[in-house]
Amino acid sequence: MDDISKDRGPPPALAPVENAPPLKTRLMIVPLVVATALFMENLDSTVIATSLPAIAADLREDPIQLKLALTSYLLSLAIFIPASGWMADRFGARRVFRSAIAVFTLGSILCGLSSSLPGFVAARIVQGMGGAMMTPVGRLVILRSTPRADLVRSLAWLTIPALVGPVIGPPLGGFITTYFHWRWIFWINVPIGALGLLLATLYIPDVREPKTPPLDVSGFVLSGLALSCLIFGFSVVGRGVVSAQADAALIGAGAIALLAYLRHARIAAHPILDLRLLRHPTFRASVGGGFFFRVGIGATPFLLPLLFQTAFGLSPFQSGGLTFVSTVGAMAMKATAAPILRRFGFRTVLIFNGLVATAFFLCSIFFTRQTPHLVIMAVLLTGGFFRSLQFTALNAVAYAEIEPGEMSRATSLAAVAQQLSLSVGVTLAAAALELTRRSRGEALAMTTADFAPAFLVVGAVSLISILFFWRLKPDAGAEISGRNR
């Protein structure tokens, strides 16, 4: 057994943690605090979609126009995520994480009090500013306060909010809107946010870098312009929010700004999104392979509810009851991820589990109106386990070779890649659905047959990720997985 496995304190290379609780307590509570905040964010970003018609009616607005509330949130995320790592280094992770919870909660209150479309959109932008800091800074706190040997177990908690939120968001939004009022969607965040602030104050360590370079202002502007145009453009394709010409112009402008940023990043001393981190094979595999895996599998919360409700004729509540079982699979993964990775290693798990997760995703092609719900639930339950295991492995292996001083930049770049991949995934799935429906020469409701090509397209994209994982060394990330003990 090597020295790493005997380590029961933070890695010596990390900055000292001030006023931190005992390590055993921190290893249990810190991931839970971060996961709770991320759950609030992930749930809120999906629950609103179901309630848009009711919100539009209450504000006396066209539901199409109200989709600006969704896209404005994405824009805010795209602009501020790149700066999250720098802010954590400059002002301390605990302060920034608490501020993110406070800003998100304030945005929720403003949403609940909104009486006009401009006010509602502005409130969503405020929410996005808080949400942009939660995920990367929360992950940074765990990375800097957890021994490498316990990293997989801690990061497993962060996978669950990303999987649970999109699944229970739509039925929960429908339930609240139907039996209470849409404003409660946002007001329930107030007690959760208050509890998060208290727990973060008590248990989140104030980790930071002793020396922080100046903010890359030029990179911040270019990355914000590129990401906001690309994510907004991909998110509204074919949804009637803007014209097709305006959407094409947005994506084109985003691509140009992205090329300008790539040129800037090569010469900047401290780029806000440091692409030089991709020199690490494990980080490159996580970001690159993870991008393609999420493009495919990340479309699940979009495709399945649409299939169940539009093709099978189920209610939103019935649809949510079916898809919710994937959450149970995700929860089961939390206890098994560490021993699985310790037994087989990252490379083997990422390759074979990626194939299995994609196979279960493609099983949805065979769902019909006559398929017993128990069969559907069994497939989604098992698929949720393997999908969650893949996300946990991707999140952990990314930081196997990252130096302590690179952690903040790595979390920012990884968060940007994840956000962009999810937008591309939904856009790709929606485009495949639309093309299939138009090929029938009909403009009516979608049928079950329309979904098979969409599942095949995004599933094929997901399989591209295997090429990145195949290039990993057999012992990649052994220190984190515990395979070298």
Foldseek 3Di string as FASTA:
>chain_A
DDPLVVDPFFDPQFDDFPPADDLVVLLPQLLVLLLLLLLLLLQLLQLVVLCLVVVCVQLVHDSLQLCLLNLLLQLLLQLQLLCLLLCCQVPFLLVLQLVLLVQLLQLLVQCLVDNHSVSNSVSSSSNSPSSSNSQLSSLLLLVRGDRLQSSLLSLLSNLLSNQQNLLCSHVVSVVCVVPPNNSVSSVVSNVSSVVSSVSSVNHRTRGHHPDRDDAPVVLSVLSSLLLSLLLSLLQCVPVPSDDPVVSVVSNVRSVVSVVVSVVVLVPDPDHSQNPVLCVDLLLVLLLVLVLLQCLQVVCVSVQQLLCCCQALVDDSNVSSVLLNLLSVLSVVLSVVLLVVCLVQNLLVLLQVLLVVLLVLLLVLLPDHNPPDSVVSSVSSNNSSNSVSSNNSSSSSLSCLPPRNVCSSSSSSNSVSSSSSSSSNSNSQLVVQLVVLCVVVVDDDTGHSNSNNRSSVVSSVSSNVSNVSSNPDDSCRSCSNSVNVD
